């Protein structure tokens, strides 16, 4: 189905992407010519997991397989400068790459702790989150 171009969005993990020869061939030929961009979510994993999941460190090879004009987007809420530099090198990002940094502070989100009154598997303690719908007679 991927080869036939049935999908417009493909979500795939690095192990399958980089470890499967058939899939790697796809990127280069038919399907590869239709790729508009490549998005790496949780990009810090490319750096931090690469030691024990080697395919994560290989995703930069896509630069040699795909059209050089395809943009790479790497996003993460936890990307300290050292890890960002490692990700930049692994993905072979160009020197003119634009980096956007936003705060992860969310003042509208509050943590709350409440003792459970019911068994956890019943989820009744979460009833306050869903408004009651009035019964229609």
C-alpha atoms as a PDB file:
ATOM      1  CA  UNK A   1       0.000   0.000   0.000  1.00  0.00           C
ATOM      2  CA  UNK A   2       2.836   2.418   0.801  1.00  0.00           C
ATOM      3  CA  UNK A   3       4.523   1.574  -2.477  1.00  0.00           C
ATOM      4  CA  UNK A   4       1.288   2.253  -4.358  1.00  0.00           C
ATOM      5  CA  UNK A   5       1.065   5.725  -2.819  1.00  0.00           C
ATOM      6  CA  UNK A   6      -2.145   4.957  -0.935  1.00  0.00           C
ATOM      7  CA  UNK A   7      -1.161   7.024   2.122  1.00  0.00           C
ATOM      8  CA  UNK A   8      -0.339  10.703   2.418  1.00  0.00           C
ATOM      9  CA  UNK A   9       1.070  10.397   5.962  1.00  0.00           C
ATOM     10  CA  UNK A  10       3.312   7.593   7.200  1.00  0.00           C
ATOM     11  CA  UNK A  11       4.236   7.241  10.875  1.00  0.00           C
ATOM     12  CA  UNK A  12       7.146   4.875  11.369  1.00  0.00           C
ATOM     13  CA  UNK A  13       9.703   4.173  14.080  1.00  0.00           C
ATOM     14  CA  UNK A  14      13.456   4.421  13.416  1.00  0.00           C
ATOM     15  CA  UNK A  15      13.986   0.661  13.797  1.00  0.00           C
ATOM     16  CA  UNK A  16      11.630  -0.122  10.936  1.00  0.00           C
ATOM     17  CA  UNK A  17      12.661   2.906   8.908  1.00  0.00           C
ATOM     18  CA  UNK A  18      16.392   2.222   9.048  1.00  0.00           C
ATOM     19  CA  UNK A  19      16.488  -1.519   9.731  1.00  0.00           C
ATOM     20  CA  UNK A  20      14.322  -2.819   6.908  1.00  0.00           C
ATOM     21  CA  UNK A  21      16.046  -2.929   3.509  1.00  0.00           C
ATOM     22  CA  UNK A  22      12.748  -3.054   1.596  1.00  0.00           C
ATOM     23  CA  UNK A  23      11.464   0.090   3.310  1.00  0.00           C
ATOM     24  CA  UNK A  24      14.775   1.909   2.741  1.00  0.00           C
ATOM     25  CA  UNK A  25      14.466   1.136  -0.986  1.00  0.00           C
ATOM     26  CA  UNK A  26      10.979   2.637  -0.990  1.00  0.00           C
ATOM     27  CA  UNK A  27      12.315   5.983   0.193  1.00  0.00           C
ATOM     28  CA  UNK A  28      14.757   6.113  -2.665  1.00  0.00           C
ATOM     29  CA  UNK A  29      12.440   5.244  -5.527  1.00  0.00           C
ATOM     30  CA  UNK A  30       8.672   5.602  -6.044  1.00  0.00           C
ATOM     31  CA  UNK A  31       7.591   6.766  -2.627  1.00  0.00           C
ATOM     32  CA  UNK A  32      10.686   8.845  -1.934  1.00  0.00           C
ATOM     33  CA  UNK A  33       9.921  11.189  -4.801  1.00  0.00           C
ATOM     34  CA  UNK A  34       6.595  12.120  -3.172  1.00  0.00           C
ATOM     35  CA  UNK A  35       7.919  12.991   0.289  1.00  0.00           C
ATOM     36  CA  UNK A  36       7.275  16.636   1.154  1.00  0.00           C
ATOM     37  CA  UNK A  37       8.931  16.706   4.592  1.00  0.00           C
ATOM     38  CA  UNK A  38      10.287  14.493   7.324  1.00  0.00           C
ATOM     39  CA  UNK A  39       9.246  15.082  10.940  1.00  0.00           C
ATOM     40  CA  UNK A  40      11.086  13.620  13.916  1.00  0.00           C
ATOM     41  CA  UNK A  41       8.938  13.784  17.049  1.00  0.00           C
ATOM     42  CA  UNK A  42      10.652  13.378  20.421  1.00  0.00           C
ATOM     43  CA  UNK A  43      13.895  14.285  18.655  1.00  0.00           C
ATOM     44  CA  UNK A  44      15.944  14.006  21.848  1.00  0.00           C
ATOM     45  CA  UNK A  45      15.578  10.207  21.493  1.00  0.00           C
ATOM     46  CA  UNK A  46      17.723  10.347  18.344  1.00  0.00           C
ATOM     47  CA  UNK A  47      20.636  11.326  20.561  1.00  0.00           C
ATOM     48  CA  UNK A  48      19.794   9.726  23.885  1.00  0.00           C
ATOM     49  CA  UNK A  49      18.606   6.322  22.674  1.00  0.00           C
ATOM     50  CA  UNK A  50      21.177   5.851  19.933  1.00  0.00           C
ATOM     51  CA  UNK A  51      23.574   3.915  22.145  1.00  0.00           C
ATOM     52  CA  UNK A  52      21.162   1.026  22.728  1.00  0.00           C
ATOM     53  CA  UNK A  53      18.861   1.440  19.710  1.00  0.00           C
ATOM     54  CA  UNK A  54      21.386   1.996  16.940  1.00  0.00           C
ATOM     55  CA  UNK A  55      18.810   2.772  14.235  1.00  0.00           C
ATOM     56  CA  UNK A  56      18.117   6.076  15.996  1.00  0.00           C
ATOM     57  CA  UNK A  57      21.653   7.220  15.188  1.00  0.00           C
ATOM     58  CA  UNK A  58      21.267   6.101  11.569  1.00  0.00           C
ATOM     59  CA  UNK A  59      18.302   8.316  10.624  1.00  0.00           C
ATOM     60  CA  UNK A  60      20.716  10.952   9.325  1.00  0.00           C
ATOM     61  CA  UNK A  61      21.531   8.581   6.456  1.00  0.00           C
ATOM     62  CA  UNK A  62      18.200   9.636   4.971  1.00  0.00           C
ATOM     63  CA  UNK A  63      20.013  12.783   3.829  1.00  0.00           C
ATOM     64  CA  UNK A  64      21.954  10.598   1.385  1.00  0.00           C
ATOM     65  CA  UNK A  65      18.909   8.593   0.285  1.00  0.00           C
ATOM     66  CA  UNK A  66      16.260  11.304  -0.138  1.00  0.00           C
ATOM     67  CA  UNK A  67      16.134  14.452  -2.217  1.00  0.00           C
ATOM     68  CA  UNK A  68      18.333  17.047  -0.482  1.00  0.00           C
ATOM     69  CA  UNK A  69      15.545  19.643  -0.662  1.00  0.00           C
ATOM     70  CA  UNK A  70      13.207  17.702   1.648  1.00  0.00           C
ATOM     71  CA  UNK A  71      13.082  19.622   4.936  1.00  0.00           C
ATOM     72  CA  UNK A  72      13.685  17.837   8.224  1.00  0.00           C
ATOM     73  CA  UNK A  73      11.716  18.982  11.281  1.00  0.00           C
ATOM     74  CA  UNK A  74      12.900  17.850  14.701  1.00  0.00           C
ATOM     75  CA  UNK A  75      10.656  18.618  17.670  1.00  0.00           C
ATOM     76  CA  UNK A  76      10.979  17.941  21.377  1.00  0.00           C
ATOM     77  CA  UNK A  77       9.924  19.482  24.664  1.00  0.00           C
ATOM     78  CA  UNK A  78      13.191  18.293  26.228  1.00  0.00           C
ATOM     79  CA  UNK A  79      16.099  19.284  24.027  1.00  0.00           C
ATOM     80  CA  UNK A  80      18.985  20.819  25.994  1.00  0.00           C
ATOM     81  CA  UNK A  81      21.721  22.533  23.974  1.00  0.00           C
ATOM     82  CA  UNK A  82      24.157  19.556  24.054  1.00  0.00           C
ATOM     83  CA  UNK A  83      21.458  17.143  22.893  1.00  0.00           C
ATOM     84  CA  UNK A  84      20.313  19.624  20.231  1.00  0.00           C
ATOM     85  CA  UNK A  85      23.869  19.786  18.885  1.00  0.00           C
ATOM     86  CA  UNK A  86      24.054  15.980  18.758  1.00  0.00           C
ATOM     87  CA  UNK A  87      20.681  15.786  16.959  1.00  0.00           C
ATOM     88  CA  UNK A  88      21.862  18.491  14.538  1.00  0.00           C
ATOM     89  CA  UNK A  89      24.930  16.408  13.662  1.00  0.00           C
ATOM     90  CA  UNK A  90      23.075  13.085  13.433  1.00  0.00           C
ATOM     91  CA  UNK A  91      20.391  14.544  11.132  1.00  0.00           C
ATOM     92  CA  UNK A  92      23.058  16.425   9.169  1.00  0.00           C
ATOM     93  CA  UNK A  93      21.101  19.660   9.450  1.00  0.00           C
ATOM     94  CA  UNK A  94      22.471  22.487   7.335  1.00  0.00           C
ATOM     95  CA  UNK A  95      24.255  25.461   8.856  1.00  0.00           C
ATOM     96  CA  UNK A  96      21.365  27.751   7.853  1.00  0.00           C
ATOM     97  CA  UNK A  97      18.839  25.652   9.797  1.00  0.00           C
ATOM     98  CA  UNK A  98      16.330  27.743  11.747  1.00  0.00           C
ATOM     99  CA  UNK A  99      15.783  26.798  15.396  1.00  0.00           C
ATOM    100  CA  UNK A 100      12.624  27.836  17.225  1.00  0.00           C
ATOM    101  CA  UNK A 101      12.604  27.593  20.980  1.00  0.00           C
ATOM    102  CA  UNK A 102       9.485  28.076  23.055  1.00  0.00           C
ATOM    103  CA  UNK A 103       8.952  27.829  26.765  1.00  0.00           C
ATOM    104  CA  UNK A 104       7.350  24.687  28.137  1.00  0.00           C
ATOM    105  CA  UNK A 105       5.812  26.694  30.979  1.00  0.00           C
ATOM    106  CA  UNK A 106       2.038  26.370  30.870  1.00  0.00           C
ATOM    107  CA  UNK A 107       0.518  28.622  33.551  1.00  0.00           C
ATOM    108  CA  UNK A 108      -2.978  27.427  32.614  1.00  0.00           C
ATOM    109  CA  UNK A 109      -2.138  23.836  33.602  1.00  0.00           C
ATOM    110  CA  UNK A 110      -2.217  22.964  37.288  1.00  0.00           C
ATOM    111  CA  UNK A 111      -1.262  19.801  39.136  1.00  0.00           C
ATOM    112  CA  UNK A 112      -3.723  18.410  41.606  1.00  0.00           C
ATOM    113  CA  UNK A 113      -3.634  15.464  43.995  1.00  0.00           C
ATOM    114  CA  UNK A 114      -6.787  13.898  45.438  1.00  0.00           C
ATOM    115  CA  UNK A 115      -7.196  10.751  47.487  1.00  0.00           C
ATOM    116  CA  UNK A 116      -9.055   7.960  45.704  1.00  0.00           C
ATOM    117  CA  UNK A 117     -12.496   7.120  47.068  1.00  0.00           C
ATOM    118  CA  UNK A 118     -13.203   4.287  44.616  1.00  0.00           C
ATOM    119  CA  UNK A 119     -11.192   1.459  43.070  1.00  0.00           C
ATOM    120  CA  UNK A 120      -8.747   2.908  40.516  1.00  0.00           C
ATOM    121  CA  UNK A 121     -10.043   0.662  37.727  1.00  0.00           C
ATOM    122  CA  UNK A 122     -13.554   2.122  38.119  1.00  0.00           C
ATOM    123  CA  UNK A 123     -12.385   5.652  37.161  1.00  0.00           C
ATOM    124  CA  UNK A 124     -15.238   7.081  39.295  1.00  0.00           C
ATOM    125  CA  UNK A 125     -12.787   9.473  40.937  1.00  0.00           C
ATOM    126  CA  UNK A 126     -12.454  11.196  37.556  1.00  0.00           C
ATOM    127  CA  UNK A 127     -16.191  11.833  37.161  1.00  0.00           C
ATOM    128  CA  UNK A 128     -15.676  15.494  38.105  1.00  0.00           C
ATOM    129  CA  UNK A 129     -13.820  16.003  34.807  1.00  0.00           C
ATOM    130  CA  UNK A 130     -16.834  15.168  32.649  1.00  0.00           C
ATOM    131  CA  UNK A 131     -19.917  17.351  33.066  1.00  0.00           C
ATOM    132  CA  UNK A 132     -23.148  15.534  33.722  1.00  0.00           C
ATOM    133  CA  UNK A 133     -25.652  15.596  30.871  1.00  0.00           C
ATOM    134  CA  UNK A 134     -29.163  16.415  32.062  1.00  0.00           C
ATOM    135  CA  UNK A 135     -31.683  13.683  31.428  1.00  0.00           C
ATOM    136  CA  UNK A 136     -34.338  14.458  28.850  1.00  0.00           C
ATOM    137  CA  UNK A 137     -37.847  13.355  29.743  1.00  0.00           C
END
